[in-house]
Protein backbone atom coordinates (compact mmCIF):
# COMPACT_ATOMS: atom_id res chain seq x y z
CA UNK A 1 -10.66 5.25 9.30
CA UNK A 2 -11.62 2.21 7.32
CA UNK A 3 -10.00 -0.77 5.62
CA UNK A 4 -12.25 -0.41 2.61
CA UNK A 5 -11.71 2.19 -0.10
CA UNK A 6 -15.20 3.06 -1.35
CA UNK A 7 -13.74 4.77 -4.45
CA UNK A 8 -11.87 1.65 -5.60
CA UNK A 9 -13.43 -0.17 -8.56
CA UNK A 10 -12.00 -3.43 -7.29
CA UNK A 11 -13.68 -3.01 -3.90
CA UNK A 12 -16.95 -2.06 -5.58
CA UNK A 13 -16.84 -5.34 -7.52
CA UNK A 14 -16.07 -7.27 -4.33
CA UNK A 15 -18.88 -5.50 -2.48
CA UNK A 16 -21.39 -6.14 -5.29
CA UNK A 17 -20.47 -9.84 -5.50
CA UNK A 18 -20.55 -10.23 -1.71
CA UNK A 19 -23.95 -8.48 -1.47
CA UNK A 20 -25.37 -10.62 -4.27
CA UNK A 21 -24.18 -13.81 -2.56
CA UNK A 22 -24.99 -13.01 1.09
CA UNK A 23 -27.79 -10.44 0.82
CA UNK A 24 -25.97 -7.68 2.71
CA UNK A 25 -22.95 -5.43 2.23
CA UNK A 26 -19.60 -6.71 3.49
CA UNK A 27 -18.03 -5.44 6.68
CA UNK A 28 -14.36 -4.44 6.65
CA UNK A 29 -13.48 -7.81 8.20
CA UNK A 30 -15.02 -9.60 5.20
CA UNK A 31 -12.58 -7.86 2.86
CA UNK A 32 -9.66 -8.35 5.29
CA UNK A 33 -10.46 -12.07 5.57
CA UNK A 34 -10.59 -12.34 1.78
CA UNK A 35 -7.20 -10.62 1.51
CA UNK A 36 -5.70 -12.81 4.26
CA UNK A 37 -6.78 -16.00 2.51
CA UNK A 38 -5.34 -14.99 -0.85
CA UNK A 39 -2.18 -13.63 0.79
CA UNK A 40 -1.56 -17.03 2.40
CA UNK A 41 -2.36 -18.83 -0.86
CA UNK A 42 0.18 -16.59 -2.59
CA UNK A 43 2.76 -17.57 0.02
CA UNK A 44 1.96 -21.28 -0.35
CA UNK A 45 2.39 -21.11 -4.12
CA UNK A 46 5.96 -19.88 -3.75
CA UNK A 47 7.25 -22.69 -1.52
CA UNK A 48 7.78 -26.43 -1.82
CA UNK A 49 7.78 -27.35 1.89
CA UNK A 50 4.55 -26.97 3.86
CA UNK A 51 6.37 -26.30 7.14
CA UNK A 52 5.20 -23.27 9.13
CA UNK A 53 8.66 -21.66 9.25
CA UNK A 54 9.00 -21.90 5.46
CA UNK A 55 5.53 -20.41 4.94
CA UNK A 56 6.12 -17.54 7.37
CA UNK A 57 9.41 -16.67 5.64
CA UNK A 58 7.59 -16.74 2.31
CA UNK A 59 4.91 -14.37 3.61
CA UNK A 60 7.52 -11.92 4.91
CA UNK A 61 9.05 -11.84 1.42
CA UNK A 62 5.82 -10.87 -0.35
CA UNK A 63 5.98 -7.14 -1.02
CA UNK A 64 3.04 -4.95 -2.04
CA UNK A 65 0.49 -7.77 -2.21
CA UNK A 66 -2.46 -6.39 -4.18
CA UNK A 67 -5.60 -7.19 -2.19
CA UNK A 68 -9.18 -5.97 -2.05
CA UNK A 69 -8.29 -3.56 0.76
CA UNK A 70 -5.26 -2.23 -1.12
CA UNK A 71 -1.59 -3.16 -1.34
CA UNK A 72 0.25 -4.35 1.74
CA UNK A 73 3.37 -6.10 2.96
CA UNK A 74 4.16 -7.84 6.26
CA UNK A 75 7.25 -6.71 8.16
CA UNK A 76 9.59 -9.06 10.06
CA UNK A 77 7.59 -8.47 13.25
CA UNK A 78 4.40 -9.63 11.54
CA UNK A 79 2.82 -6.18 11.24
CA UNK A 80 0.97 -5.11 8.10
CA UNK A 81 2.43 -2.15 6.26
CA UNK A 82 -0.35 -0.51 4.26
CA UNK A 83 -2.03 2.74 3.44
CA UNK A 84 -4.63 4.22 5.76
CA UNK A 85 -8.08 4.93 4.36
CA UNK A 86 -10.10 7.73 5.92
CA UNK A 87 -13.76 7.85 4.97
CA UNK A 88 -15.52 11.18 4.75
CA UNK A 89 -19.10 12.02 3.82
CA UNK A 90 -19.61 14.51 0.97
CA UNK A 91 -23.16 15.40 -0.02
CA UNK A 92 -24.42 12.24 1.67
CA UNK A 93 -21.98 9.93 -0.14
CA UNK A 94 -18.99 8.08 1.30
CA UNK A 95 -15.68 9.17 -0.19
CA UNK A 96 -12.26 7.75 0.63
CA UNK A 97 -9.01 9.59 1.21
CA UNK A 98 -5.97 7.28 1.11
CA UNK A 99 -2.79 8.07 3.06
CA UNK A 100 0.47 6.15 3.20
CA UNK A 101 0.70 4.60 6.69
């Protein structure tokens, strides 16, 4: 399994930009960190108060956030709800199969 969908054009763009900037391909945690930052920014944009409780409620209300690693939501227990990506090798190339988790 993997967090990155190698067949996604959006992830290819992220990977190319990351590689150009840092000189190596991103790890899955690079893409997850990128998504986490923009997910929190999205939550901050929708609230007026900067209190933690207000922010956490805002994050729970974001549904199907479109990130580099795919769309996801956070349930009331704080768990990510997202599709699972399984990577397989076909003729020496990585291919992704996406399943709803």
